[in-house]
Amino acid sequence: MPTYVVGDIHGRSGLLDQLERDVPWDIRRDKIVFLGDLIDRGDDAPGVVERVMRYARENPSVVVLRGNHEQMFLNCLDHGDAQWLIPDNGGPATLAAYGAKLLGEDGEIEFTIPEEHVLFMRNLPFFHEDEEAIYVHAGLVPGIHPSETDTETLIWTRDAHFFRHYTGKLCVFGHTPTVYLPRDGCNRHFGIYIHGGCVGIDTSGEHDSPLSCFRVDTFTLYQAYPRGVTEVKRLSHLKRRNE
């Protein structure tokens, strides 16, 4: 069974539509790993969450991980943490998409997010591992298994040592847009990052950024662009020899 990994969607349901249409996967049978950050910044977080929930209901091989944006949302909901409400973090876009409101001058929020969506986000795991790779939102601590790593690290880390020196089991991650990763692992604008044991596939962050999907066994990259085109790149020549 092939494994496809989808990067940070950030509410861009139209690009998920393109991947669903153009990637030669079987959504009801193949393994699909979503690396988290389904929500925020884009204009259709509810549509993305509902779609991914449906994929998971219909296909037990779908894995959906927790990103830092899902965690910021839960922190705001449970503890009143305002970090999620900073416009650059994208929470206000998600609130607007769900029809939620800020009430009064004290910033109280009238949440109208369906309980099933909240429960879904509460139950998202922090990492997944199979025979081929480790999948995580942000990254790992080299030499430490994710089961023994602080969960904040798994969803927030941006560690240059990991990006440059990790040589363990293949790790596919998102969180840090590839334009901000070391140049020696990314050879074009909106390209994914491949270096040592790292594969970074978050290509979000700009208005014309693509949504990336990576097939693990063949190192094939599918990128859905907002202009309506889905590009395919075959990167098997970049696989480590022992993969």
Protein backbone atom coordinates (compact mmCIF):
# COMPACT_ATOMS: atom_id res chain seq x y z
CA MET A 1 0.00 0.00 0.00
CA PRO A 2 1.50 3.38 -0.98
CA THR A 3 1.74 6.16 1.59
CA TYR A 4 0.95 9.76 0.67
CA VAL A 5 1.77 12.64 3.03
CA VAL A 6 -0.05 15.97 2.81
CA GLY A 7 1.54 19.13 4.16
CA ASP A 8 0.03 22.08 6.03
CA ILE A 9 -3.32 22.87 4.37
CA HIS A 10 -4.20 25.99 6.42
CA GLY A 11 -7.83 26.20 5.37
CA ARG A 12 -7.16 26.11 1.62
CA SER A 13 -9.87 23.68 0.63
CA GLY A 14 -9.57 24.48 -3.08
CA LEU A 15 -6.03 23.12 -3.13
CA LEU A 16 -7.18 19.99 -1.31
CA ASP A 17 -9.81 19.65 -4.06
CA GLN A 18 -7.02 19.74 -6.64
CA LEU A 19 -4.99 17.08 -4.89
CA GLU A 20 -8.06 14.86 -4.56
CA ARG A 21 -8.62 15.26 -8.29
CA ASP A 22 -5.06 15.01 -9.58
CA VAL A 23 -3.08 12.67 -7.29
CA PRO A 24 -3.35 9.05 -8.52
CA TRP A 25 -4.27 7.74 -5.07
CA ASP A 26 -7.18 5.66 -3.88
CA ILE A 27 -8.54 7.80 -1.05
CA ARG A 28 -10.64 4.90 0.27
CA ARG A 29 -7.72 2.43 0.44
CA ASP A 30 -4.26 4.04 0.36
CA LYS A 31 -2.49 5.31 3.44
CA ILE A 32 -2.67 9.11 3.68
CA VAL A 33 -0.94 11.06 6.45
CA PHE A 34 -1.93 14.66 7.13
CA LEU A 35 0.81 16.51 9.00
CA GLY A 36 -1.47 18.94 10.87
CA ASP A 37 -2.31 22.64 10.55
CA LEU A 38 -5.58 21.92 8.77
CA ILE A 39 -6.88 25.29 10.00
CA ASP A 40 -6.03 29.03 10.10
CA ARG A 41 -5.05 31.65 7.53
CA GLY A 42 -7.12 30.21 4.66
CA ASP A 43 -10.83 30.92 4.21
CA ASP A 44 -12.32 27.43 4.58
CA ALA A 45 -11.04 25.74 7.71
CA PRO A 46 -14.49 24.16 8.33
CA GLY A 47 -14.49 22.59 4.87
CA VAL A 48 -10.98 21.21 5.29
CA VAL A 49 -11.70 19.73 8.72
CA GLU A 50 -14.99 18.20 7.56
CA ARG A 51 -13.33 16.68 4.49
CA VAL A 52 -10.41 15.19 6.39
CA MET A 53 -12.80 13.81 9.01
CA ARG A 54 -14.71 12.10 6.21
CA TYR A 55 -11.52 10.64 4.75
CA ALA A 56 -10.67 9.21 8.18
CA ARG A 57 -14.17 7.77 8.67
CA GLU A 58 -14.14 6.07 5.29
CA ASN A 59 -10.55 4.87 5.30
CA PRO A 60 -8.92 3.46 8.47
CA SER A 61 -5.51 4.00 6.83
CA VAL A 62 -5.87 7.79 7.02
CA VAL A 63 -3.75 9.35 9.78
CA VAL A 64 -4.26 12.96 10.87
CA LEU A 65 -1.63 14.55 13.10
CA ARG A 66 -1.86 17.53 15.42
CA GLY A 67 -0.22 20.76 14.36
CA ASN A 68 0.63 23.80 16.42
CA HIS A 69 -2.39 25.63 14.99
CA GLU A 70 -4.82 23.00 16.25
CA GLN A 71 -3.06 23.23 19.61
CA MET A 72 -3.31 27.04 19.68
CA PHE A 73 -7.02 26.76 18.95
CA LEU A 74 -7.51 24.29 21.81
CA ASN A 75 -5.46 26.48 24.16
CA CYS A 76 -7.69 29.43 23.32
CA LEU A 77 -10.87 27.42 23.76
CA ASP A 78 -9.82 25.76 27.02
CA HIS A 79 -7.67 28.40 28.69
CA GLY A 80 -8.40 31.70 26.97
CA ASP A 81 -4.89 31.84 25.50
CA ALA A 82 -4.96 34.76 23.06
CA GLN A 83 -1.98 33.66 20.96
CA TRP A 84 -4.33 32.05 18.45
CA LEU A 85 -6.12 35.38 17.95
CA ILE A 86 -3.04 37.21 16.64
CA PRO A 87 -3.94 37.90 12.99
CA ASP A 88 -0.64 36.55 11.64
CA ASN A 89 -1.37 33.24 13.35
CA GLY A 90 -4.60 32.94 11.41
CA GLY A 91 -7.09 32.27 14.19
CA PRO A 92 -9.37 35.18 13.23
CA ALA A 93 -9.73 33.72 9.71
CA THR A 94 -10.85 30.41 11.19
CA LEU A 95 -13.29 32.13 13.56
CA ALA A 96 -14.79 34.04 10.61
CA ALA A 97 -15.08 30.89 8.51
CA TYR A 98 -17.01 29.15 11.30
CA GLY A 99 -19.20 32.21 11.87
CA ALA A 100 -17.84 32.78 15.38
CA LYS A 101 -17.74 36.26 16.92
CA LEU A 102 -15.74 38.34 19.34
CA LEU A 103 -18.16 39.74 21.92
CA GLY A 104 -17.56 43.04 23.66
CA GLU A 105 -14.41 44.89 24.57
CA ASP A 106 -13.07 42.09 26.79
CA GLY A 107 -12.52 39.88 23.73
CA GLU A 108 -14.91 37.10 24.78
CA ILE A 109 -15.49 34.68 21.91
CA GLU A 110 -18.80 33.20 20.90
CA PHE A 111 -17.62 29.84 19.60
CA THR A 112 -19.82 28.31 16.90
CA ILE A 113 -17.43 25.53 15.97
CA PRO A 114 -19.21 22.15 15.83
CA GLU A 115 -18.43 19.95 18.80
CA GLU A 116 -17.49 17.08 16.52
CA HIS A 117 -14.77 19.26 14.97
CA VAL A 118 -13.46 20.22 18.42
CA LEU A 119 -13.46 16.57 19.54
CA PHE A 120 -11.66 15.56 16.37
CA MET A 121 -8.88 18.09 17.05
CA ARG A 122 -8.63 17.05 20.70
CA ASN A 123 -7.94 13.47 19.66
CA LEU A 124 -5.23 14.15 17.07
CA PRO A 125 -1.94 12.35 17.82
CA PHE A 126 1.42 14.11 17.91
CA PHE A 127 3.30 11.69 15.64
CA HIS A 128 2.94 8.50 13.64
CA GLU A 129 5.46 5.86 12.69
CA ASP A 130 5.39 2.97 10.25
CA GLU A 131 8.01 0.80 8.55
CA GLU A 132 8.92 3.53 6.08
CA ALA A 133 9.12 6.70 8.15
CA ILE A 134 8.28 8.83 11.15
CA TYR A 135 5.69 11.52 10.52
CA VAL A 136 5.45 14.59 12.73
CA HIS A 137 4.24 18.15 12.41
CA ALA A 138 7.40 20.11 13.23
CA GLY A 139 10.39 17.84 13.78
CA LEU A 140 12.34 15.60 16.12
CA VAL A 141 15.18 15.73 18.59
CA PRO A 142 17.95 13.70 16.93
CA GLY A 143 18.63 10.52 18.85
CA ILE A 144 15.38 10.62 20.84
CA HIS A 145 12.29 8.72 19.74
CA PRO A 146 9.17 10.93 19.44
CA SER A 147 7.42 8.82 22.07
CA GLU A 148 10.02 10.11 24.53
CA THR A 149 9.97 13.71 23.28
CA ASP A 150 8.05 16.63 24.77
CA THR A 151 4.91 17.18 22.70
CA GLU A 152 5.60 20.92 22.44
CA THR A 153 8.77 20.07 20.56
CA LEU A 154 6.92 17.80 18.13
CA ILE A 155 4.54 20.58 17.08
CA TRP A 156 6.68 23.71 17.50
CA THR A 157 10.39 22.98 16.97
CA ARG A 158 12.43 24.81 14.36
CA ASP A 159 15.82 23.38 15.20
CA ALA A 160 18.64 23.98 12.72
CA HIS A 161 20.53 20.98 14.12
CA PHE A 162 17.61 18.71 13.18
CA PHE A 163 17.31 20.21 9.70
CA ARG A 164 21.03 19.92 8.95
CA HIS A 165 22.24 16.89 10.88
CA TYR A 166 19.38 14.41 11.35
CA THR A 167 20.36 11.07 9.79
CA GLY A 168 17.94 8.70 11.52
CA LYS A 169 14.88 6.96 10.16
CA LEU A 170 13.25 8.97 7.39
CA CYS A 171 11.20 11.80 8.96
CA VAL A 172 8.53 13.65 7.00
CA PHE A 173 7.46 16.93 8.61
CA GLY A 174 5.74 20.26 7.97
CA HIS A 175 5.42 23.42 10.08
CA THR A 176 8.40 25.38 8.73
CA PRO A 177 7.81 26.64 5.18
CA THR A 178 10.56 25.24 3.01
CA VAL A 179 11.60 28.72 1.86
CA TYR A 180 12.97 29.18 5.40
CA LEU A 181 14.87 25.89 5.54
CA PRO A 182 18.58 25.56 4.67
CA ARG A 183 19.19 26.18 1.01
CA ASP A 184 21.29 23.06 0.50
CA GLY A 185 18.22 20.86 0.90
CA CYS A 186 15.81 22.83 -1.29
CA ASN A 187 16.80 23.65 -4.85
CA ARG A 188 13.89 25.79 -6.04
CA HIS A 189 11.23 28.19 -4.79
CA PHE A 190 8.34 26.15 -3.35
CA GLY A 191 10.45 23.02 -3.59
CA ILE A 192 10.35 20.57 -0.70
CA TYR A 193 13.33 20.07 1.62
CA ILE A 194 15.32 16.83 1.41
CA HIS A 195 18.49 16.49 3.45
CA GLY A 196 19.87 13.48 5.33
CA GLY A 197 16.86 11.81 6.94
CA CYS A 198 14.65 14.90 6.66
CA VAL A 199 11.83 15.57 4.21
CA GLY A 200 10.07 18.89 4.86
CA ILE A 201 6.92 19.48 2.82
CA ASP A 202 5.29 22.65 4.19
CA THR A 203 5.21 24.85 1.11
CA SER A 204 2.59 27.27 2.46
CA GLY A 205 3.12 30.89 3.48
CA GLU A 206 2.59 32.98 0.34
CA HIS A 207 -0.52 33.83 -1.67
CA ASP A 208 0.64 31.68 -4.58
CA SER A 209 2.08 28.85 -2.47
CA PRO A 210 1.21 25.29 -3.48
CA LEU A 211 -0.12 22.54 -1.24
CA SER A 212 2.32 19.63 -1.37
CA CYS A 213 1.68 15.89 -1.26
CA PHE A 214 4.60 13.46 -1.08
CA ARG A 215 4.51 9.76 -1.94
CA VAL A 216 7.01 8.13 0.39
CA ASP A 217 8.05 4.96 -1.44
CA THR A 218 8.75 6.63 -4.79
CA PHE A 219 9.71 10.13 -3.60
CA THR A 220 7.10 11.59 -5.95
CA LEU A 221 5.91 15.12 -5.24
CA TYR A 222 2.50 16.48 -6.21
CA GLN A 223 1.94 20.23 -5.80
CA ALA A 224 -1.45 21.91 -6.22
CA TYR A 225 -1.07 25.61 -7.08
CA PRO A 226 -3.75 28.28 -6.58
CA ARG A 227 -3.69 29.00 -10.32
CA GLY A 228 -5.36 25.60 -10.83
CA VAL A 229 -2.33 23.58 -11.96
CA THR A 230 -0.99 20.49 -10.19
CA GLU A 231 2.67 19.78 -10.90
CA VAL A 232 4.40 16.42 -10.50
CA LYS A 233 8.11 16.03 -9.67
CA ARG A 234 9.89 12.69 -9.42
CA LEU A 235 12.63 12.94 -6.80
CA SER A 236 13.77 9.32 -6.41
CA HIS A 237 17.33 10.38 -7.26
CA LEU A 238 17.36 12.26 -3.92
CA LYS A 239 16.57 9.18 -1.81
CA ARG A 240 19.28 7.97 0.51
CA ARG A 241 20.79 4.76 -0.76
CA ASN A 242 19.58 2.82 2.25
CA GLU A 243 15.94 3.92 1.86
